[in-house]
PDB file of N, CA and C in Angstrom:
ATOM      1  N   MET A   1      91.667  86.229  62.291  1.00  0.00           N
ATOM      2  CA  MET A   1      92.542  86.957  63.490  1.00  0.00           C
ATOM      3  C   MET A   1      92.275  88.325  63.709  1.00  0.00           C
ATOM      4  N   SER A   2      92.698  89.070  62.721  1.00  0.00           N
ATOM      5  CA  SER A   2      92.643  90.406  62.563  1.00  0.00           C
ATOM      6  C   SER A   2      91.422  91.107  62.751  1.00  0.00           C
ATOM      7  N   PHE A   3      90.340  90.193  61.956  1.00  0.00           N
ATOM      8  CA  PHE A   3      89.207  90.661  62.190  1.00  0.00           C
ATOM      9  C   PHE A   3      88.673  90.868  63.635  1.00  0.00           C
ATOM     10  N   PHE A   4      88.903  90.025  64.628  1.00  0.00           N
ATOM     11  CA  PHE A   4      88.623  89.949  65.904  1.00  0.00           C
ATOM     12  C   PHE A   4      89.481  91.159  66.554  1.00  0.00           C
ATOM     13  N   LYS A   5      90.470  91.439  66.293  1.00  0.00           N
ATOM     14  CA  LYS A   5      91.179  92.428  66.637  1.00  0.00           C
ATOM     15  C   LYS A   5      90.610  93.919  66.526  1.00  0.00           C
ATOM     16  N   ASN A   6      90.350  93.727  65.317  1.00  0.00           N
ATOM     17  CA  ASN A   6      89.503  95.212  64.696  1.00  0.00           C
ATOM     18  C   ASN A   6      88.222  95.313  65.285  1.00  0.00           C
ATOM     19  N   LEU A   7      87.641  94.237  65.610  1.00  0.00           N
ATOM     20  CA  LEU A   7      86.467  94.534  66.485  1.00  0.00           C
ATOM     21  C   LEU A   7      86.429  94.463  67.850  1.00  0.00           C
ATOM     22  N   PHE A   8      87.274  94.048  68.386  1.00  0.00           N
ATOM     23  CA  PHE A   8      87.149  93.971  69.712  1.00  0.00           C
ATOM     24  C   PHE A   8      88.394  94.957  70.450  1.00  0.00           C
ATOM     25  N   GLY A   9      89.401  95.524  69.273  1.00  0.00           N
ATOM     26  CA  GLY A   9      90.473  96.421  69.751  1.00  0.00           C
ATOM     27  C   GLY A   9      91.618  95.303  70.298  1.00  0.00           C
ATOM     28  N   SER A  10      92.671  95.991  70.472  1.00  0.00           N
ATOM     29  CA  SER A  10      93.919  95.342  70.697  1.00  0.00           C
ATOM     30  C   SER A  10      94.850  96.082  71.747  1.00  0.00           C
ATOM     31  N   LYS A  11      95.460  95.687  72.659  1.00  0.00           N
ATOM     32  CA  LYS A  11      96.101  96.592  73.581  1.00  0.00           C
ATOM     33  C   LYS A  11      97.108  96.632  72.933  1.00  0.00           C
ATOM     34  N   PRO A  12      97.965  98.146  72.733  1.00  0.00           N
ATOM     35  CA  PRO A  12      99.104  98.232  72.067  1.00  0.00           C
ATOM     36  C   PRO A  12     100.085  97.498  73.068  1.00  0.00           C
ATOM     37  N   SER A  13     101.354  96.765  72.568  1.00  0.00           N
ATOM     38  CA  SER A  13     102.522  96.411  73.101  1.00  0.00           C
ATOM     39  C   SER A  13     103.201  97.146  73.911  1.00  0.00           C
ATOM     40  N   VAL A  14     103.438  96.800  74.936  1.00  0.00           N
ATOM     41  CA  VAL A  14     104.382  97.603  76.172  1.00  0.00           C
ATOM     42  C   VAL A  14     105.776  97.051  75.992  1.00  0.00           C
ATOM     43  N   ASN A  15     106.814  97.831  75.837  1.00  0.00           N
ATOM     44  CA  ASN A  15     108.408  97.404  76.057  1.00  0.00           C
ATOM     45  C   ASN A  15     108.735  97.814  77.346  1.00  0.00           C
ATOM     46  N   PHE A  16     108.647  96.858  78.232  1.00  0.00           N
ATOM     47  CA  PHE A  16     108.956  97.039  79.680  1.00  0.00           C
ATOM     48  C   PHE A  16     110.369  97.383  79.795  1.00  0.00           C
ATOM     49  N   ALA A  17     111.314  96.810  78.881  1.00  0.00           N
ATOM     50  CA  ALA A  17     112.626  96.961  78.776  1.00  0.00           C
ATOM     51  C   ALA A  17     113.058  98.288  78.639  1.00  0.00           C
ATOM     52  N   GLN A  18     112.228  98.903  77.615  1.00  0.00           N
ATOM     53  CA  GLN A  18     112.255 100.293  77.271  1.00  0.00           C
ATOM     54  C   GLN A  18     111.901 101.141  78.326  1.00  0.00           C
ATOM     55  N   LEU A  19     110.908 100.829  78.912  1.00  0.00           N
ATOM     56  CA  LEU A  19     110.384 101.574  80.112  1.00  0.00           C
ATOM     57  C   LEU A  19     111.615 101.641  81.248  1.00  0.00           C
ATOM     58  N   LEU A  20     111.987 100.633  81.470  1.00  0.00           N
ATOM     59  CA  LEU A  20     113.001 100.597  82.578  1.00  0.00           C
ATOM     60  C   LEU A  20     114.250 101.322  82.340  1.00  0.00           C
ATOM     61  N   GLU A  21     114.709 101.228  81.081  1.00  0.00           N
ATOM     62  CA  GLU A  21     115.749 102.157  80.454  1.00  0.00           C
ATOM     63  C   GLU A  21     115.383 103.693  80.413  1.00  0.00           C
ATOM     64  N   GLU A  22     113.930 104.031  80.810  1.00  0.00           N
ATOM     65  CA  GLU A  22     113.585 105.434  80.703  1.00  0.00           C
ATOM     66  C   GLU A  22     113.369 105.520  82.373  1.00  0.00           C
ATOM     67  N   ASP A  23     114.009 105.031  83.198  1.00  0.00           N
ATOM     68  CA  ASP A  23     113.793 105.519  84.770  1.00  0.00           C
ATOM     69  C   ASP A  23     112.674 104.706  85.115  1.00  0.00           C
ATOM     70  N   ALA A  24     112.009 103.975  84.657  1.00  0.00           N
ATOM     71  CA  ALA A  24     110.522 103.483  85.479  1.00  0.00           C
ATOM     72  C   ALA A  24     110.714 102.692  86.605  1.00  0.00           C
ATOM     73  N   LEU A  25     109.983 102.817  87.579  1.00  0.00           N
ATOM     74  CA  LEU A  25     110.206 102.042  88.688  1.00  0.00           C
ATOM     75  C   LEU A  25     108.772 100.960  88.762  1.00  0.00           C
ATOM     76  N   ILE A  26     109.707  99.632  89.394  1.00  0.00           N
ATOM     77  CA  ILE A  26     108.890  98.250  89.312  1.00  0.00           C
ATOM     78  C   ILE A  26     108.497  98.499  90.806  1.00  0.00           C
ATOM     79  N   LEU A  27     107.168  98.367  90.807  1.00  0.00           N
ATOM     80  CA  LEU A  27     106.375  98.397  92.025  1.00  0.00           C
ATOM     81  C   LEU A  27     105.596  97.077  92.111  1.00  0.00           C
ATOM     82  N   ASP A  28     106.245  96.113  93.032  1.00  0.00           N
ATOM     83  CA  ASP A  28     105.844  94.850  93.368  1.00  0.00           C
ATOM     84  C   ASP A  28     104.646  94.861  94.639  1.00  0.00           C
ATOM     85  N   VAL A  29     103.508  94.631  93.977  1.00  0.00           N
ATOM     86  CA  VAL A  29     102.253  94.824  95.287  1.00  0.00           C
ATOM     87  C   VAL A  29     101.880  93.563  96.158  1.00  0.00           C
ATOM     88  N   ARG A  30     102.808  92.601  96.023  1.00  0.00           N
ATOM     89  CA  ARG A  30     102.513  90.993  96.738  1.00  0.00           C
ATOM     90  C   ARG A  30     102.818  91.638  98.139  1.00  0.00           C
ATOM     91  N   SER A  31     102.586  90.685  98.812  1.00  0.00           N
ATOM     92  CA  SER A  31     102.810  90.781 100.436  1.00  0.00           C
ATOM     93  C   SER A  31     104.417  90.734 100.889  1.00  0.00           C
ATOM     94  N   SER A  32     104.830  91.341 101.881  1.00  0.00           N
ATOM     95  CA  SER A  32     106.129  91.180 102.163  1.00  0.00           C
ATOM     96  C   SER A  32     107.017  90.071 101.975  1.00  0.00           C
ATOM     97  N   GLY A  33     106.090  88.951 102.814  1.00  0.00           N
ATOM     98  CA  GLY A  33     106.427  87.832 102.766  1.00  0.00           C
ATOM     99  C   GLY A  33     106.839  86.949 101.462  1.00  0.00           C
ATOM    100  N   GLU A  34     105.618  87.367 100.555  1.00  0.00           N
ATOM    101  CA  GLU A  34     106.014  87.028  99.210  1.00  0.00           C
ATOM    102  C   GLU A  34     106.974  87.545  98.357  1.00  0.00           C
ATOM    103  N   PHE A  35     107.411  88.868  98.668  1.00  0.00           N
ATOM    104  CA  PHE A  35     108.371  89.642  98.059  1.00  0.00           C
ATOM    105  C   PHE A  35     109.811  89.052  98.695  1.00  0.00           C
ATOM    106  N   LYS A  36     109.727  88.663  99.934  1.00  0.00           N
ATOM    107  CA  LYS A  36     111.143  88.435 100.295  1.00  0.00           C
ATOM    108  C   LYS A  36     111.771  87.022  99.820  1.00  0.00           C
ATOM    109  N   MET A  37     110.656  86.123  99.153  1.00  0.00           N
ATOM    110  CA  MET A  37     110.646  84.906  98.575  1.00  0.00           C
ATOM    111  C   MET A  37     111.390  84.954  97.398  1.00  0.00           C
ATOM    112  N   GLY A  38     111.338  86.040  96.579  1.00  0.00           N
ATOM    113  CA  GLY A  38     111.807  86.129  95.259  1.00  0.00           C
ATOM    114  C   GLY A  38     111.016  87.476  94.770  1.00  0.00           C
ATOM    115  N   HIS A  39     112.117  88.233  94.037  1.00  0.00           N
ATOM    116  CA  HIS A  39     111.788  89.635  93.301  1.00  0.00           C
ATOM    117  C   HIS A  39     112.380  90.352  92.254  1.00  0.00           C
ATOM    118  N   ILE A  40     112.095  91.182  91.590  1.00  0.00           N
ATOM    119  CA  ILE A  40     113.043  91.771  90.588  1.00  0.00           C
ATOM    120  C   ILE A  40     113.788  92.627  91.202  1.00  0.00           C
ATOM    121  N   GLN A  41     115.254  92.698  90.784  1.00  0.00           N
ATOM    122  CA  GLN A  41     116.263  93.406  91.625  1.00  0.00           C
ATOM    123  C   GLN A  41     115.751  94.936  91.637  1.00  0.00           C
ATOM    124  N   GLY A  42     115.991  95.604  92.645  1.00  0.00           N
ATOM    125  CA  GLY A  42     115.402  97.199  92.489  1.00  0.00           C
ATOM    126  C   GLY A  42     113.986  97.454  92.668  1.00  0.00           C
ATOM    127  N   ALA A  43     113.248  96.366  92.672  1.00  0.00           N
ATOM    128  CA  ALA A  43     111.665  96.245  92.681  1.00  0.00           C
ATOM    129  C   ALA A  43     111.462  97.059  94.275  1.00  0.00           C
ATOM    130  N   LYS A  44     110.382  98.082  94.117  1.00  0.00           N
ATOM    131  CA  LYS A  44     109.989  98.636  95.650  1.00  0.00           C
ATOM    132  C   LYS A  44     108.653  97.767  95.824  1.00  0.00           C
ATOM    133  N   ASN A  45     108.698  97.258  96.992  1.00  0.00           N
ATOM    134  CA  ASN A  45     107.600  96.646  97.440  1.00  0.00           C
ATOM    135  C   ASN A  45     106.528  97.364  98.372  1.00  0.00           C
ATOM    136  N   ILE A  46     105.401  97.598  97.830  1.00  0.00           N
ATOM    137  CA  ILE A  46     104.231  98.271  98.837  1.00  0.00           C
ATOM    138  C   ILE A  46     103.139  97.129  98.467  1.00  0.00           C
ATOM    139  N   PRO A  47     102.922  96.414  99.509  1.00  0.00           N
ATOM    140  CA  PRO A  47     101.889  95.362  99.624  1.00  0.00           C
ATOM    141  C   PRO A  47     100.382  96.300  98.984  1.00  0.00           C
ATOM    142  N   LEU A  48      99.593  95.474  98.250  1.00  0.00           N
ATOM    143  CA  LEU A  48      98.470  96.362  97.558  1.00  0.00           C
ATOM    144  C   LEU A  48      97.482  96.765  98.818  1.00  0.00           C
ATOM    145  N   ASP A  49      97.487  96.025 100.005  1.00  0.00           N
ATOM    146  CA  ASP A  49      96.433  96.578 100.624  1.00  0.00           C
ATOM    147  C   ASP A  49      97.077  98.000 101.686  1.00  0.00           C
ATOM    148  N   GLN A  50      98.387  98.184 101.233  1.00  0.00           N
ATOM    149  CA  GLN A  50      98.850  99.309 101.795  1.00  0.00           C
ATOM    150  C   GLN A  50      99.160 100.538 100.791  1.00  0.00           C
ATOM    151  N   LEU A  51      98.757 100.103  99.769  1.00  0.00           N
ATOM    152  CA  LEU A  51      98.979 101.334  98.503  1.00  0.00           C
ATOM    153  C   LEU A  51      98.180 102.657  98.879  1.00  0.00           C
ATOM    154  N   ASN A  52      96.943 102.621  99.182  1.00  0.00           N
ATOM    155  CA  ASN A  52      96.545 103.650  99.365  1.00  0.00           C
ATOM    156  C   ASN A  52      97.125 104.535 100.554  1.00  0.00           C
ATOM    157  N   ALA A  53      97.826 104.069 101.540  1.00  0.00           N
ATOM    158  CA  ALA A  53      98.290 105.040 102.566  1.00  0.00           C
ATOM    159  C   ALA A  53      99.707 105.278 101.933  1.00  0.00           C
ATOM    160  N   LYS A  54     100.169 104.643 101.324  1.00  0.00           N
ATOM    161  CA  LYS A  54     101.725 104.821 100.866  1.00  0.00           C
ATOM    162  C   LYS A  54     101.984 105.170  99.270  1.00  0.00           C
ATOM    163  N   ALA A  55     100.922 105.576  98.467  1.00  0.00           N
ATOM    164  CA  ALA A  55     101.004 105.996  97.148  1.00  0.00           C
ATOM    165  C   ALA A  55     101.586 107.438  97.187  1.00  0.00           C
ATOM    166  N   ARG A  56     101.758 108.278  98.129  1.00  0.00           N
ATOM    167  CA  ARG A  56     102.186 109.227  98.069  1.00  0.00           C
ATOM    168  C   ARG A  56     103.782 109.273  98.053  1.00  0.00           C
ATOM    169  N   SER A  57     104.458 108.163  98.732  1.00  0.00           N
ATOM    170  CA  SER A  57     105.605 108.087  98.141  1.00  0.00           C
ATOM    171  C   SER A  57     106.186 107.743  97.071  1.00  0.00           C
ATOM    172  N   LEU A  58     105.516 107.630  96.159  1.00  0.00           N
ATOM    173  CA  LEU A  58     105.780 107.230  94.689  1.00  0.00           C
ATOM    174  C   LEU A  58     105.887 108.343  93.812  1.00  0.00           C
ATOM    175  N   PRO A  59     106.937 108.272  92.829  1.00  0.00           N
ATOM    176  CA  PRO A  59     107.247 109.530  92.200  1.00  0.00           C
ATOM    177  C   PRO A  59     106.037 109.804  91.145  1.00  0.00           C
ATOM    178  N   LYS A  60     105.550 110.832  90.929  1.00  0.00           N
ATOM    179  CA  LYS A  60     104.836 111.201  89.647  1.00  0.00           C
ATOM    180  C   LYS A  60     105.474 111.345  88.225  1.00  0.00           C
ATOM    181  N   GLY A  61     106.404 111.630  88.607  1.00  0.00           N
ATOM    182  CA  GLY A  61     107.070 112.187  87.112  1.00  0.00           C
ATOM    183  C   GLY A  61     107.736 110.904  86.662  1.00  0.00           C
ATOM    184  N   LYS A  62     107.620 109.863  86.788  1.00  0.00           N
ATOM    185  CA  LYS A  62     108.229 108.524  86.188  1.00  0.00           C
ATOM    186  C   LYS A  62     107.304 107.687  85.954  1.00  0.00           C
ATOM    187  N   PRO A  63     107.247 106.499  85.017  1.00  0.00           N
ATOM    188  CA  PRO A  63     106.457 105.586  85.136  1.00  0.00           C
ATOM    189  C   PRO A  63     106.604 104.422  85.678  1.00  0.00           C
ATOM    190  N   ILE A  64     105.513 103.913  86.045  1.00  0.00           N
ATOM    191  CA  ILE A  64     105.598 102.907  87.244  1.00  0.00           C
ATOM    192  C   ILE A  64     105.068 101.607  86.715  1.00  0.00           C
ATOM    193  N   ILE A  65     105.753 100.428  86.624  1.00  0.00           N
ATOM    194  CA  ILE A  65     105.404  99.250  86.258  1.00  0.00           C
ATOM    195  C   ILE A  65     105.053  98.329  87.426  1.00  0.00           C
ATOM    196  N   THR A  66     103.674  98.037  87.517  1.00  0.00           N
ATOM    197  CA  THR A  66     103.278  97.210  88.846  1.00  0.00           C
ATOM    198  C   THR A  66     103.236  95.738  88.432  1.00  0.00           C
ATOM    199  N   CYS A  67     103.577  95.139  89.283  1.00  0.00           N
ATOM    200  CA  CYS A  67     103.754  93.326  89.508  1.00  0.00           C
ATOM    201  C   CYS A  67     103.385  92.750  90.488  1.00  0.00           C
ATOM    202  N   CYS A  68     103.169  91.373  90.338  1.00  0.00           N
ATOM    203  CA  CYS A  68     102.264  90.656  91.610  1.00  0.00           C
ATOM    204  C   CYS A  68     102.942  89.432  91.174  1.00  0.00           C
ATOM    205  N   GLN A  69     101.749  88.293  91.770  1.00  0.00           N
ATOM    206  CA  GLN A  69     102.036  87.050  91.494  1.00  0.00           C
ATOM    207  C   GLN A  69     101.832  86.559  89.934  1.00  0.00           C
ATOM    208  N   SER A  70     100.427  86.951  89.911  1.00  0.00           N
ATOM    209  CA  SER A  70      99.955  86.517  88.601  1.00  0.00           C
ATOM    210  C   SER A  70      99.058  87.595  87.355  1.00  0.00           C
ATOM    211  N   GLY A  71      99.220  89.062  88.161  1.00  0.00           N
ATOM    212  CA  GLY A  71      98.737  90.069  87.619  1.00  0.00           C
ATOM    213  C   GLY A  71      97.440  90.793  87.903  1.00  0.00           C
ATOM    214  N   ARG A  72      96.786  89.793  88.799  1.00  0.00           N
ATOM    215  CA  ARG A  72      95.511  90.240  89.254  1.00  0.00           C
ATOM    216  C   ARG A  72      95.835  91.492  90.343  1.00  0.00           C
ATOM    217  N   ARG A  73      96.420  91.221  91.407  1.00  0.00           N
ATOM    218  CA  ARG A  73      96.695  92.503  92.148  1.00  0.00           C
ATOM    219  C   ARG A  73      97.307  93.517  91.521  1.00  0.00           C
ATOM    220  N   SER A  74      98.190  93.329  90.555  1.00  0.00           N
ATOM    221  CA  SER A  74      98.985  94.338  89.878  1.00  0.00           C
ATOM    222  C   SER A  74      98.026  95.304  88.968  1.00  0.00           C
ATOM    223  N   GLY A  75      96.982  94.779  88.842  1.00  0.00           N
ATOM    224  CA  GLY A  75      96.271  95.052  87.729  1.00  0.00           C
ATOM    225  C   GLY A  75      95.183  96.084  88.419  1.00  0.00           C
ATOM    226  N   MET A  76      94.841  95.764  89.822  1.00  0.00           N
ATOM    227  CA  MET A  76      93.852  96.506  90.731  1.00  0.00           C
ATOM    228  C   MET A  76      95.081  97.772  91.170  1.00  0.00           C
ATOM    229  N   ALA A  77      96.385  97.502  91.239  1.00  0.00           N
ATOM    230  CA  ALA A  77      97.134  98.404  91.701  1.00  0.00           C
ATOM    231  C   ALA A  77      97.335  99.655  90.495  1.00  0.00           C
ATOM    232  N   LYS A  78      97.472  99.273  89.201  1.00  0.00           N
ATOM    233  CA  LYS A  78      97.219 100.036  88.233  1.00  0.00           C
ATOM    234  C   LYS A  78      96.438 100.941  88.133  1.00  0.00           C
ATOM    235  N   SER A  79      95.051 100.390  88.268  1.00  0.00           N
ATOM    236  CA  SER A  79      93.765 101.382  88.142  1.00  0.00           C
ATOM    237  C   SER A  79      93.744 102.291  89.000  1.00  0.00           C
ATOM    238  N   PHE A  80      94.138 101.844  90.168  1.00  0.00           N
ATOM    239  CA  PHE A  80      94.414 102.771  91.699  1.00  0.00           C
ATOM    240  C   PHE A  80      95.228 103.801  91.137  1.00  0.00           C
ATOM    241  N   LEU A  81      96.560 103.302  90.824  1.00  0.00           N
ATOM    242  CA  LEU A  81      97.501 104.596  90.359  1.00  0.00           C
ATOM    243  C   LEU A  81      96.911 105.356  89.476  1.00  0.00           C
ATOM    244  N   ASP A  82      96.773 104.737  88.193  1.00  0.00           N
ATOM    245  CA  ASP A  82      95.879 105.512  87.268  1.00  0.00           C
ATOM    246  C   ASP A  82      94.886 106.486  87.466  1.00  0.00           C
ATOM    247  N   SER A  83      93.797 106.417  88.531  1.00  0.00           N
ATOM    248  CA  SER A  83      92.902 106.974  88.982  1.00  0.00           C
ATOM    249  C   SER A  83      93.710 108.377  89.856  1.00  0.00           C
ATOM    250  N   HIS A  84      94.587 108.273  90.242  1.00  0.00           N
ATOM    251  CA  HIS A  84      95.430 109.262  90.971  1.00  0.00           C
ATOM    252  C   HIS A  84      96.372 109.877  90.385  1.00  0.00           C
ATOM    253  N   GLY A  85      96.574 110.041  89.045  1.00  0.00           N
ATOM    254  CA  GLY A  85      97.424 110.753  88.105  1.00  0.00           C
ATOM    255  C   GLY A  85      98.654 110.146  88.064  1.00  0.00           C
ATOM    256  N   TYR A  86      99.095 108.684  88.378  1.00  0.00           N
ATOM    257  CA  TYR A  86     100.354 108.231  87.814  1.00  0.00           C
ATOM    258  C   TYR A  86     100.344 107.493  86.376  1.00  0.00           C
ATOM    259  N   THR A  87     101.456 107.397  85.927  1.00  0.00           N
ATOM    260  CA  THR A  87     101.837 106.807  84.705  1.00  0.00           C
ATOM    261  C   THR A  87     101.914 105.470  84.873  1.00  0.00           C
ATOM    262  N   CYS A  88     101.358 104.500  84.692  1.00  0.00           N
ATOM    263  CA  CYS A  88     101.224 103.107  85.537  1.00  0.00           C
ATOM    264  C   CYS A  88     101.144 102.265  84.180  1.00  0.00           C
ATOM    265  N   TYR A  89     101.879 100.745  84.020  1.00  0.00           N
ATOM    266  CA  TYR A  89     101.693  99.851  83.450  1.00  0.00           C
ATOM    267  C   TYR A  89     101.584  98.752  84.188  1.00  0.00           C
ATOM    268  N   ASN A  90     100.653  97.705  83.617  1.00  0.00           N
ATOM    269  CA  ASN A  90     100.503  96.387  84.469  1.00  0.00           C
ATOM    270  C   ASN A  90     101.534  95.644  83.832  1.00  0.00           C
ATOM    271  N   GLY A  91     102.886  94.971  84.773  1.00  0.00           N
ATOM    272  CA  GLY A  91     103.518  94.169  84.105  1.00  0.00           C
ATOM    273  C   GLY A  91     103.401  92.924  84.466  1.00  0.00           C
ATOM    274  N   GLY A  92     102.088  92.296  85.216  1.00  0.00           N
ATOM    275  CA  GLY A  92     101.708  91.160  85.659  1.00  0.00           C
ATOM    276  C   GLY A  92     102.384  90.123  86.440  1.00  0.00           C
ATOM    277  N   GLY A  93     102.669  89.288  86.329  1.00  0.00           N
ATOM    278  CA  GLY A  93     103.436  88.478  87.358  1.00  0.00           C
ATOM    279  C   GLY A  93     104.801  88.652  87.208  1.00  0.00           C
ATOM    280  N   TRP A  94     105.391  88.701  88.404  1.00  0.00           N
ATOM    281  CA  TRP A  94     106.756  88.910  88.582  1.00  0.00           C
ATOM    282  C   TRP A  94     107.951  88.584  87.536  1.00  0.00           C
ATOM    283  N   SER A  95     107.668  87.113  87.676  1.00  0.00           N
ATOM    284  CA  SER A  95     108.579  86.310  87.001  1.00  0.00           C
ATOM    285  C   SER A  95     108.398  86.606  85.802  1.00  0.00           C
ATOM    286  N   SER A  96     107.328  86.544  85.021  1.00  0.00           N
ATOM    287  CA  SER A  96     107.085  86.847  83.515  1.00  0.00           C
ATOM    288  C   SER A  96     107.533  88.288  83.621  1.00  0.00           C
ATOM    289  N   LEU A  97     107.392  89.204  84.209  1.00  0.00           N
ATOM    290  CA  LEU A  97     108.133  90.527  83.933  1.00  0.00           C
ATOM    291  C   LEU A  97     109.423  90.535  83.876  1.00  0.00           C
ATOM    292  N   GLN A  98     109.975  89.745  84.722  1.00  0.00           N
ATOM    293  CA  GLN A  98     111.672  89.561  84.959  1.00  0.00           C
ATOM    294  C   GLN A  98     112.274  89.182  83.528  1.00  0.00           C
ATOM    295  N   SER A  99     111.257  88.197  82.776  1.00  0.00           N
ATOM    296  CA  SER A  99     111.828  87.799  81.662  1.00  0.00           C
ATOM    297  C   SER A  99     111.537  88.719  80.555  1.00  0.00           C
ATOM    298  N   LYS A 100     110.602  89.608  80.499  1.00  0.00           N
ATOM    299  CA  LYS A 100     110.274  90.668  79.518  1.00  0.00           C
ATOM    300  C   LYS A 100     111.453  92.203  79.645  1.00  0.00           C
ATOM    301  N   LEU A 101     112.176  91.902  80.992  1.00  0.00           N
ATOM    302  CA  LEU A 101     113.289  93.036  81.123  1.00  0.00           C
ATOM    303  C   LEU A 101     114.498  92.925  80.586  1.00  0.00           C
ATOM    304  N   LYS A 102     114.716  91.595  80.020  1.00  0.00           N
ATOM    305  CA  LYS A 102     116.208  91.338  79.443  1.00  0.00           C
ATOM    306  C   LYS A 102     116.305  91.521  77.941  1.00  0.00           C
TER     307      LYS A 102
END
């Protein structure tokens, strides 16, 4: 197993609970309807299709953890925010992320 990790590299583990303790913002990029059906308490909702127009409302001085339903949209949001100078982490699916915050 370590042979493959060395060959292909491995992502460093992210401690999402620690990031939250350090005042990270949780950004849920699902639609407002999906968000209303359940979300992480305190998360900010900006649907992915509105992120370009609303990114300026996000603080550049603190880490941002993106989440969505499965991790696909949050990955796209992370890439977008990274390219615009934000410090961003992909938290993946919101319910999975919620369990990592405890």
